[in-house]
Amino acid sequence: MASRTLTLPQNTQGRDFVVGDIHGCFDLLDKALLAVSFDPAKDRLICVGDLINRGARSPDCLHYLAQPWFYSVRGNHEEIFIRAHRTGKLNDPKVIAKISPDFAWALKETEAAREIICRVFEKLPVAIEVETAEGPVGFVHANIPDGMDWKTFLKKLDAGDADTLQTALWNRERIETGNNSGIDGVLRVFFGHTSVDGGPKSLGNCFFIDTGAVFKQLNKKNTHDFYLTLIDIKANAADICTPVPTREKLVRTVTAKKPPQP
C-alpha cells in the first residue's frame, strides 16, 4: 500500500504554488501557470485534490500527474473513482448516473485505462508536507480533526486510522462552523473541497482555496464570484485571501511579496 503522506524537501531553487480543486478545468490551470511565469525546471505545483469530474477536460487533467513538478493529495472525487472502479461500478452507465453524472467521462475510457487511472489515484497521498525555512506547510483535501496537531494527523493517516482518513477526504466542519483554532505544529495548511465565494477563506492558519472555478465555467450565469486560484505558498496571509485578477477572468493568482504571516 502506498504511503498516505508525502514530505517534499525545501525548494531552494524556485517557488512552490498551490492550486484549488481543478475539477477538469485544464485550460484554466494552464492559463494560471502562464500568468505567474511558472518555470517547470525550478517551480513546483501542489493541488489540494479533485482533479477530475464536473469540468469538460477531466482526462486532460490526469496528464499533470505525470509531470515531475506536479503533486496532488487525494480528493474525495479520486476516492469515489477508486471505490467505484474496484467494485466494477464504473462499467455500468446506470450505476454511474446514480453515483454521479460527473463520472460520465470515465465511461469513454477503456477498462485498461480506468485501471491505470485507479492505480495512479491509489498512489496519491492524503496529506503532503512541504518543508520551508519558516516551518512545514501542509496540504489536505477537506479537513483535519479538531484539536489534532499536524504530526499526530500524519501519524494517524500512515497508521490507517479510518476516522482521520474520513475527515481528511470528506469533512467540512471546520469551515462550516468558522473554527479559528488552527492546527498546531505546522506553519499553515491549505484545503480545498468546500467552494468559497469571493476568494480564499482563512481560519487561523488554515486556508480554504477551492474558489469554485468549474461552476462558473459550466454556467456563466452563476452569480457567485467563482474562479480558479493559484497561490505561492509563501505569500502573505492577507494577500492569499485577495487574489489578483489576470487576463483570464476565471483565473486569479497570489505571489509572494514578503515573508508569510500565519
C-alpha atoms as a PDB file:
ATOM      1  CA  MET A   1       0.000   0.000   0.000  1.00  0.00           C
ATOM      2  CA  ALA A   2       1.291   3.459  -0.931  1.00  0.00           C
ATOM      3  CA  SER A   3       2.062   5.861   1.893  1.00  0.00           C
ATOM      4  CA  ARG A   4      -0.787   8.176   2.780  1.00  0.00           C
ATOM      5  CA  THR A   5       1.639  11.039   3.468  1.00  0.00           C
ATOM      6  CA  LEU A   6       4.383  12.680   1.441  1.00  0.00           C
ATOM      7  CA  THR A   7       7.082  15.116   2.560  1.00  0.00           C
ATOM      8  CA  LEU A   8       8.772  17.329  -0.013  1.00  0.00           C
ATOM      9  CA  PRO A   9      12.126  18.936   0.798  1.00  0.00           C
ATOM     10  CA  GLN A  10      12.580  22.682   0.809  1.00  0.00           C
ATOM     11  CA  ASN A  11      12.615  24.167  -2.686  1.00  0.00           C
ATOM     12  CA  THR A  12      15.836  26.190  -2.711  1.00  0.00           C
ATOM     13  CA  GLN A  13      15.842  26.841  -6.453  1.00  0.00           C
ATOM     14  CA  GLY A  14      12.344  28.074  -7.250  1.00  0.00           C
ATOM     15  CA  ARG A  15       8.823  28.666  -5.989  1.00  0.00           C
ATOM     16  CA  ASP A  16       6.080  26.393  -4.690  1.00  0.00           C
ATOM     17  CA  PHE A  17       2.490  27.050  -5.722  1.00  0.00           C
ATOM     18  CA  VAL A  18      -0.794  25.526  -4.619  1.00  0.00           C
ATOM     19  CA  VAL A  19      -3.993  25.368  -6.657  1.00  0.00           C
ATOM     20  CA  GLY A  20      -7.558  24.758  -5.531  1.00  0.00           C
ATOM     21  CA  ASP A  21      -9.783  21.938  -6.822  1.00  0.00           C
ATOM     22  CA  ILE A  22      -9.238  21.722 -10.597  1.00  0.00           C
ATOM     23  CA  HIS A  23     -12.316  19.622 -11.494  1.00  0.00           C
ATOM     24  CA  GLY A  24     -11.491  19.247 -15.162  1.00  0.00           C
ATOM     25  CA  CYS A  25     -10.603  22.926 -15.752  1.00  0.00           C
ATOM     26  CA  PHE A  26      -7.401  22.009 -17.578  1.00  0.00           C
ATOM     27  CA  ASP A  27      -7.309  25.167 -19.682  1.00  0.00           C
ATOM     28  CA  LEU A  28      -7.740  27.464 -16.681  1.00  0.00           C
ATOM     29  CA  LEU A  29      -4.808  25.931 -14.848  1.00  0.00           C
ATOM     30  CA  ASP A  30      -2.606  26.295 -17.902  1.00  0.00           C
ATOM     31  CA  LYS A  31      -3.510  29.986 -18.065  1.00  0.00           C
ATOM     32  CA  ALA A  32      -2.850  30.400 -14.347  1.00  0.00           C
ATOM     33  CA  LEU A  33       0.636  28.920 -14.704  1.00  0.00           C
ATOM     34  CA  LEU A  34       1.366  31.273 -17.581  1.00  0.00           C
ATOM     35  CA  ALA A  35       0.188  34.231 -15.508  1.00  0.00           C
ATOM     36  CA  VAL A  36       2.853  33.597 -12.845  1.00  0.00           C
ATOM     37  CA  SER A  37       5.569  32.623 -15.354  1.00  0.00           C
ATOM     38  CA  PHE A  38       5.733  29.152 -13.849  1.00  0.00           C
ATOM     39  CA  ASP A  39       9.123  27.536 -14.501  1.00  0.00           C
ATOM     40  CA  PRO A  40       8.828  23.711 -14.535  1.00  0.00           C
ATOM     41  CA  ALA A  41      12.606  23.420 -14.189  1.00  0.00           C
ATOM     42  CA  LYS A  42      12.553  25.132 -10.788  1.00  0.00           C
ATOM     43  CA  ASP A  43       8.998  25.618  -9.553  1.00  0.00           C
ATOM     44  CA  ARG A  44       6.584  23.049  -8.103  1.00  0.00           C
ATOM     45  CA  LEU A  45       2.800  22.876  -8.006  1.00  0.00           C
ATOM     46  CA  ILE A  46       0.694  21.148  -5.375  1.00  0.00           C
ATOM     47  CA  CYS A  47      -3.030  20.517  -5.862  1.00  0.00           C
ATOM     48  CA  VAL A  48      -5.431  20.067  -2.936  1.00  0.00           C
ATOM     49  CA  GLY A  49      -7.244  17.260  -4.755  1.00  0.00           C
ATOM     50  CA  ASP A  50     -10.273  16.738  -7.005  1.00  0.00           C
ATOM     51  CA  LEU A  51      -8.546  16.981 -10.361  1.00  0.00           C
ATOM     52  CA  ILE A  52     -11.469  15.244 -12.038  1.00  0.00           C
ATOM     53  CA  ASN A  53     -15.242  15.453 -12.633  1.00  0.00           C
ATOM     54  CA  ARG A  54     -17.672  18.249 -13.449  1.00  0.00           C
ATOM     55  CA  GLY A  55     -15.389  20.060 -15.903  1.00  0.00           C
ATOM     56  CA  ALA A  56     -15.078  19.092 -19.549  1.00  0.00           C
ATOM     57  CA  ARG A  57     -11.414  18.103 -19.541  1.00  0.00           C
ATOM     58  CA  SER A  58     -11.024  15.601 -16.707  1.00  0.00           C
ATOM     59  CA  PRO A  59      -8.872  13.168 -18.753  1.00  0.00           C
ATOM     60  CA  ASP A  60      -6.504  16.003 -19.712  1.00  0.00           C
ATOM     61  CA  CYS A  61      -6.002  16.929 -16.065  1.00  0.00           C
ATOM     62  CA  LEU A  62      -4.596  13.463 -15.445  1.00  0.00           C
ATOM     63  CA  HIS A  63      -1.591  14.389 -17.580  1.00  0.00           C
ATOM     64  CA  TYR A  64      -0.436  16.701 -14.807  1.00  0.00           C
ATOM     65  CA  LEU A  65       0.152  13.697 -12.569  1.00  0.00           C
ATOM     66  CA  ALA A  66       2.893  12.519 -14.937  1.00  0.00           C
ATOM     67  CA  GLN A  67       4.846  15.752 -14.575  1.00  0.00           C
ATOM     68  CA  PRO A  68       7.815  15.752 -12.158  1.00  0.00           C
ATOM     69  CA  TRP A  69       6.904  19.239 -10.903  1.00  0.00           C
ATOM     70  CA  PHE A  70       3.266  18.400 -10.087  1.00  0.00           C
ATOM     71  CA  TYR A  71       1.972  16.879  -6.846  1.00  0.00           C
ATOM     72  CA  SER A  72      -1.535  16.308  -5.555  1.00  0.00           C
ATOM     73  CA  VAL A  73      -3.261  14.976  -2.493  1.00  0.00           C
ATOM     74  CA  ARG A  74      -6.194  12.628  -2.952  1.00  0.00           C
ATOM     75  CA  GLY A  75      -9.590  14.289  -3.026  1.00  0.00           C
ATOM     76  CA  ASN A  76     -12.964  12.730  -2.375  1.00  0.00           C
ATOM     77  CA  HIS A  77     -13.630  12.558  -6.142  1.00  0.00           C
ATOM     78  CA  GLU A  78     -10.477  10.476  -6.644  1.00  0.00           C
ATOM     79  CA  GLU A  79     -11.587   8.331  -3.708  1.00  0.00           C
ATOM     80  CA  ILE A  80     -15.019   7.776  -5.282  1.00  0.00           C
ATOM     81  CA  PHE A  81     -13.360   6.780  -8.562  1.00  0.00           C
ATOM     82  CA  ILE A  82     -11.191   4.228  -6.748  1.00  0.00           C
ATOM     83  CA  ARG A  83     -14.098   2.662  -4.893  1.00  0.00           C
ATOM     84  CA  ALA A  84     -16.373   2.616  -7.946  1.00  0.00           C
ATOM     85  CA  HIS A  85     -13.720   1.094 -10.190  1.00  0.00           C
ATOM     86  CA  ARG A  86     -12.672  -1.560  -7.690  1.00  0.00           C
ATOM     87  CA  THR A  87     -16.297  -2.671  -7.327  1.00  0.00           C
ATOM     88  CA  GLY A  88     -16.935  -2.639 -11.076  1.00  0.00           C
ATOM     89  CA  LYS A  89     -19.492   0.170 -10.914  1.00  0.00           C
ATOM     90  CA  LEU A  90     -17.701   2.332 -13.479  1.00  0.00           C
ATOM     91  CA  ASN A  91     -18.654  -0.184 -16.161  1.00  0.00           C
ATOM     92  CA  ASP A  92     -22.392   0.464 -15.829  1.00  0.00           C
ATOM     93  CA  PRO A  93     -23.878   3.753 -17.130  1.00  0.00           C
ATOM     94  CA  LYS A  94     -26.991   3.301 -14.984  1.00  0.00           C
ATOM     95  CA  VAL A  95     -24.921   2.885 -11.840  1.00  0.00           C
ATOM     96  CA  ILE A  96     -22.772   5.894 -12.737  1.00  0.00           C
ATOM     97  CA  ALA A  97     -25.882   8.007 -13.192  1.00  0.00           C
ATOM     98  CA  LYS A  98     -26.869   7.125  -9.630  1.00  0.00           C
ATOM     99  CA  ILE A  99     -23.391   7.728  -8.205  1.00  0.00           C
ATOM    100  CA  SER A 100     -22.856  10.966 -10.090  1.00  0.00           C
ATOM    101  CA  PRO A 101     -23.209  12.015 -13.716  1.00  0.00           C
ATOM    102  CA  ASP A 102     -19.826  13.709 -13.226  1.00  0.00           C
ATOM    103  CA  PHE A 103     -18.256  10.306 -13.904  1.00  0.00           C
ATOM    104  CA  ALA A 104     -19.685  10.078 -17.430  1.00  0.00           C
ATOM    105  CA  TRP A 105     -16.229  10.850 -18.841  1.00  0.00           C
ATOM    106  CA  ALA A 106     -14.922   7.605 -17.332  1.00  0.00           C
ATOM    107  CA  LEU A 107     -17.306   5.560 -19.475  1.00  0.00           C
ATOM    108  CA  LYS A 108     -15.413   6.751 -22.543  1.00  0.00           C
ATOM    109  CA  GLU A 109     -12.189   5.259 -21.193  1.00  0.00           C
ATOM    110  CA  THR A 110     -11.284   1.625 -21.764  1.00  0.00           C
ATOM    111  CA  GLU A 111     -11.247  -0.820 -18.885  1.00  0.00           C
ATOM    112  CA  ALA A 112      -7.452  -0.914 -19.115  1.00  0.00           C
ATOM    113  CA  ALA A 113      -7.267   2.893 -18.998  1.00  0.00           C
ATOM    114  CA  ARG A 114      -9.550   3.038 -15.967  1.00  0.00           C
ATOM    115  CA  GLU A 115      -7.325   0.524 -14.196  1.00  0.00           C
ATOM    116  CA  ILE A 116      -4.265   2.693 -14.857  1.00  0.00           C
ATOM    117  CA  ILE A 117      -6.098   5.787 -13.601  1.00  0.00           C
ATOM    118  CA  CYS A 118      -7.218   3.928 -10.490  1.00  0.00           C
ATOM    119  CA  ARG A 119      -3.679   2.811  -9.695  1.00  0.00           C
ATOM    120  CA  VAL A 120      -2.417   6.364 -10.081  1.00  0.00           C
ATOM    121  CA  PHE A 121      -5.118   7.659  -7.733  1.00  0.00           C
ATOM    122  CA  GLU A 122      -4.339   4.943  -5.191  1.00  0.00           C
ATOM    123  CA  LYS A 123      -0.766   6.209  -5.029  1.00  0.00           C
ATOM    124  CA  LEU A 124      -1.806   9.772  -4.239  1.00  0.00           C
ATOM    125  CA  PRO A 125      -1.022  10.770  -0.650  1.00  0.00           C
ATOM    126  CA  VAL A 126      -3.820  12.041   1.559  1.00  0.00           C
ATOM    127  CA  ALA A 127      -1.560  14.707   3.024  1.00  0.00           C
ATOM    128  CA  ILE A 128       1.514  16.488   1.699  1.00  0.00           C
ATOM    129  CA  GLU A 129       4.032  18.400   3.785  1.00  0.00           C
ATOM    130  CA  VAL A 130       6.453  20.876   2.211  1.00  0.00           C
ATOM    131  CA  GLU A 131       9.469  21.938   4.214  1.00  0.00           C
ATOM    132  CA  THR A 132      10.221  25.674   4.221  1.00  0.00           C
ATOM    133  CA  ALA A 133      12.662  27.871   6.110  1.00  0.00           C
ATOM    134  CA  GLU A 134       9.750  29.173   8.213  1.00  0.00           C
ATOM    135  CA  GLY A 135       8.345  25.737   9.017  1.00  0.00           C
ATOM    136  CA  PRO A 136       6.306  22.965   7.366  1.00  0.00           C
ATOM    137  CA  VAL A 137       3.348  23.815   5.133  1.00  0.00           C
ATOM    138  CA  GLY A 138       0.572  21.239   4.831  1.00  0.00           C
ATOM    139  CA  PHE A 139      -1.883  20.278   2.087  1.00  0.00           C
ATOM    140  CA  VAL A 140      -5.067  18.259   2.711  1.00  0.00           C
ATOM    141  CA  HIS A 141      -8.258  17.996   0.712  1.00  0.00           C
ATOM    142  CA  ALA A 142     -11.031  18.521   3.263  1.00  0.00           C
ATOM    143  CA  ASN A 143     -10.131  18.887   6.938  1.00  0.00           C
ATOM    144  CA  ILE A 144      -8.062  17.799   9.935  1.00  0.00           C
ATOM    145  CA  PRO A 145      -9.824  16.598  13.112  1.00  0.00           C
ATOM    146  CA  ASP A 146     -10.474  19.411  15.564  1.00  0.00           C
ATOM    147  CA  GLY A 147      -7.781  19.643  18.232  1.00  0.00           C
ATOM    148  CA  MET A 148      -5.362  17.317  16.422  1.00  0.00           C
ATOM    149  CA  ASP A 149      -1.852  18.615  15.760  1.00  0.00           C
ATOM    150  CA  TRP A 150      -0.125  18.158  12.405  1.00  0.00           C
ATOM    151  CA  LYS A 151       2.351  15.421  13.407  1.00  0.00           C
ATOM    152  CA  THR A 152      -0.361  13.359  15.079  1.00  0.00           C
ATOM    153  CA  PHE A 153      -2.524  13.762  11.989  1.00  0.00           C
ATOM    154  CA  LEU A 154       0.242  12.423   9.732  1.00  0.00           C
ATOM    155  CA  LYS A 155       0.934   9.504  12.066  1.00  0.00           C
ATOM    156  CA  LYS A 156      -2.736   8.527  12.200  1.00  0.00           C
ATOM    157  CA  LEU A 157      -3.015   8.649   8.420  1.00  0.00           C
ATOM    158  CA  ASP A 158       0.002   6.395   7.958  1.00  0.00           C
ATOM    159  CA  ALA A 159      -1.370   4.053  10.623  1.00  0.00           C
ATOM    160  CA  GLY A 160      -4.578   3.725   8.610  1.00  0.00           C
ATOM    161  CA  ASP A 161      -6.899   5.351  11.133  1.00  0.00           C
ATOM    162  CA  ALA A 162     -10.313   5.292   9.415  1.00  0.00           C
ATOM    163  CA  ASP A 163     -11.805   8.323  11.183  1.00  0.00           C
ATOM    164  CA  THR A 164      -8.810  10.514  10.385  1.00  0.00           C
ATOM    165  CA  LEU A 165      -8.877   9.408   6.748  1.00  0.00           C
ATOM    166  CA  GLN A 166     -12.600  10.123   6.512  1.00  0.00           C
ATOM    167  CA  THR A 167     -12.089  13.623   7.905  1.00  0.00           C
ATOM    168  CA  ALA A 168      -9.210  14.337   5.530  1.00  0.00           C
ATOM    169  CA  LEU A 169     -11.264  13.396   2.460  1.00  0.00           C
ATOM    170  CA  TRP A 170     -14.819  14.448   3.314  1.00  0.00           C
ATOM    171  CA  ASN A 171     -15.277  16.620   6.408  1.00  0.00           C
ATOM    172  CA  ARG A 172     -16.465  20.268   6.193  1.00  0.00           C
ATOM    173  CA  GLU A 173     -16.967  21.012   9.881  1.00  0.00           C
ATOM    174  CA  ARG A 174     -14.085  23.478  10.310  1.00  0.00           C
ATOM    175  CA  ILE A 175     -15.214  25.837   7.569  1.00  0.00           C
ATOM    176  CA  GLU A 176     -18.934  25.376   8.203  1.00  0.00           C
ATOM    177  CA  THR A 177     -18.546  26.327  11.883  1.00  0.00           C
ATOM    178  CA  GLY A 178     -15.921  29.041  11.324  1.00  0.00           C
ATOM    179  CA  ASN A 179     -13.457  27.279  13.607  1.00  0.00           C
ATOM    180  CA  ASN A 180     -10.451  29.609  14.028  1.00  0.00           C
ATOM    181  CA  SER A 181      -8.462  27.349  16.350  1.00  0.00           C
ATOM    182  CA  GLY A 182      -5.943  26.414  13.656  1.00  0.00           C
ATOM    183  CA  ILE A 183      -3.539  23.481  13.502  1.00  0.00           C
ATOM    184  CA  ASP A 184      -0.538  23.211  15.822  1.00  0.00           C
ATOM    185  CA  GLY A 185       2.840  22.020  14.546  1.00  0.00           C
ATOM    186  CA  VAL A 186       2.543  23.454  11.032  1.00  0.00           C
ATOM    187  CA  LEU A 187       3.020  26.945   9.600  1.00  0.00           C
ATOM    188  CA  ARG A 188      -0.186  26.814   7.566  1.00  0.00           C
ATOM    189  CA  VAL A 189      -2.439  24.254   5.889  1.00  0.00           C
ATOM    190  CA  PHE A 190      -4.173  24.590   2.526  1.00  0.00           C
ATOM    191  CA  PHE A 191      -7.531  22.863   1.994  1.00  0.00           C
ATOM    192  CA  GLY A 192      -9.969  22.504  -0.920  1.00  0.00           C
ATOM    193  CA  HIS A 193     -13.241  20.541  -1.032  1.00  0.00           C
ATOM    194  CA  THR A 194     -15.659  23.295   0.017  1.00  0.00           C
ATOM    195  CA  SER A 195     -16.184  26.002  -2.600  1.00  0.00           C
ATOM    196  CA  VAL A 196     -15.844  29.515  -1.185  1.00  0.00           C
ATOM    197  CA  ASP A 197     -17.407  32.570  -2.810  1.00  0.00           C
ATOM    198  CA  GLY A 198     -15.355  35.704  -3.426  1.00  0.00           C
ATOM    199  CA  GLY A 199     -11.907  34.346  -2.668  1.00  0.00           C
ATOM    200  CA  PRO A 200      -9.992  32.016  -0.353  1.00  0.00           C
ATOM    201  CA  LYS A 201     -11.071  31.938   3.300  1.00  0.00           C
ATOM    202  CA  SER A 202      -8.686  31.902   6.273  1.00  0.00           C
ATOM    203  CA  LEU A 203      -9.433  30.318   9.632  1.00  0.00           C
ATOM    204  CA  GLY A 204      -6.448  30.551  11.942  1.00  0.00           C
ATOM    205  CA  ASN A 205      -3.536  29.132   9.950  1.00  0.00           C
ATOM    206  CA  CYS A 206      -5.917  27.205   7.681  1.00  0.00           C
ATOM    207  CA  PHE A 207      -6.713  28.422   4.164  1.00  0.00           C
ATOM    208  CA  PHE A 208      -9.623  27.117   2.090  1.00  0.00           C
ATOM    209  CA  ILE A 209      -8.775  27.755  -1.558  1.00  0.00           C
ATOM    210  CA  ASP A 210     -11.378  25.951  -3.667  1.00  0.00           C
ATOM    211  CA  THR A 211     -12.861  29.055  -5.270  1.00  0.00           C
ATOM    212  CA  GLY A 212     -15.321  27.152  -7.448  1.00  0.00           C
ATOM    213  CA  ALA A 213     -13.991  27.846 -10.957  1.00  0.00           C
ATOM    214  CA  VAL A 214     -15.727  24.870 -12.536  1.00  0.00           C
ATOM    215  CA  PHE A 215     -19.209  26.087 -11.546  1.00  0.00           C
ATOM    216  CA  LYS A 216     -18.625  29.409 -13.268  1.00  0.00           C
ATOM    217  CA  GLN A 217     -17.100  27.743 -16.306  1.00  0.00           C
ATOM    218  CA  LEU A 218     -20.104  25.454 -16.676  1.00  0.00           C
ATOM    219  CA  ASN A 219     -22.657  28.197 -16.063  1.00  0.00           C
ATOM    220  CA  LYS A 220     -21.706  31.753 -16.979  1.00  0.00           C
ATOM    221  CA  LYS A 221     -24.928  32.968 -15.389  1.00  0.00           C
ATOM    222  CA  ASN A 222     -23.783  31.684 -11.997  1.00  0.00           C
ATOM    223  CA  THR A 223     -23.946  34.720  -9.704  1.00  0.00           C
ATOM    224  CA  HIS A 224     -21.171  33.605  -7.337  1.00  0.00           C
ATOM    225  CA  ASP A 225     -17.729  35.183  -7.577  1.00  0.00           C
ATOM    226  CA  PHE A 226     -16.050  31.932  -8.590  1.00  0.00           C
ATOM    227  CA  TYR A 227     -12.662  31.458 -10.290  1.00  0.00           C
ATOM    228  CA  LEU A 228      -9.501  29.309 -10.148  1.00  0.00           C
ATOM    229  CA  THR A 229      -6.923  30.386  -7.570  1.00  0.00           C
ATOM    230  CA  LEU A 230      -3.176  29.777  -7.853  1.00  0.00           C
ATOM    231  CA  ILE A 231      -1.145  30.756  -4.775  1.00  0.00           C
ATOM    232  CA  ASP A 232       2.543  30.983  -3.894  1.00  0.00           C
ATOM    233  CA  ILE A 233       2.635  29.088  -0.588  1.00  0.00           C
ATOM    234  CA  LYS A 234       4.966  31.714   0.911  1.00  0.00           C
ATOM    235  CA  ALA A 235       2.610  34.604   0.156  1.00  0.00           C
ATOM    236  CA  ASN A 236       1.409  36.896   2.896  1.00  0.00           C
ATOM    237  CA  ALA A 237      -1.801  35.678   4.551  1.00  0.00           C
ATOM    238  CA  ALA A 238      -3.764  38.812   3.663  1.00  0.00           C
ATOM    239  CA  ASP A 239      -2.710  38.520   0.023  1.00  0.00           C
ATOM    240  CA  ILE A 240      -3.845  34.880  -0.108  1.00  0.00           C
ATOM    241  CA  CYS A 241      -7.397  35.978   0.613  1.00  0.00           C
ATOM    242  CA  THR A 242      -7.345  38.691  -2.079  1.00  0.00           C
ATOM    243  CA  PRO A 243      -6.035  37.080  -5.298  1.00  0.00           C
ATOM    244  CA  VAL A 244      -5.097  39.337  -8.204  1.00  0.00           C
ATOM    245  CA  PRO A 245      -7.164  39.101 -11.417  1.00  0.00           C
ATOM    246  CA  THR A 246      -5.416  38.037 -14.627  1.00  0.00           C
ATOM    247  CA  ARG A 247      -6.246  38.406 -18.312  1.00  0.00           C
ATOM    248  CA  GLU A 248      -8.352  35.264 -17.975  1.00  0.00           C
ATOM    249  CA  LYS A 249     -11.403  36.376 -15.980  1.00  0.00           C
ATOM    250  CA  LEU A 250     -11.756  32.962 -14.326  1.00  0.00           C
ATOM    251  CA  VAL A 251      -8.172  32.923 -13.045  1.00  0.00           C
ATOM    252  CA  ARG A 252      -6.637  34.853 -10.147  1.00  0.00           C
ATOM    253  CA  THR A 253      -3.193  34.460  -8.620  1.00  0.00           C
ATOM    254  CA  VAL A 254      -1.223  35.286  -5.496  1.00  0.00           C
ATOM    255  CA  THR A 255       2.541  35.727  -5.484  1.00  0.00           C
ATOM    256  CA  ALA A 256       4.895  36.127  -2.528  1.00  0.00           C
ATOM    257  CA  LYS A 257       5.900  39.691  -1.700  1.00  0.00           C
ATOM    258  CA  LYS A 258       7.336  39.287   1.776  1.00  0.00           C
ATOM    259  CA  PRO A 259       7.757  36.544   4.446  1.00  0.00           C
ATOM    260  CA  PRO A 260       4.411  34.878   5.261  1.00  0.00           C
ATOM    261  CA  GLN A 261       2.376  35.644   8.356  1.00  0.00           C
ATOM    262  CA  PRO A 262       0.399  32.603   9.542  1.00  0.00           C
END
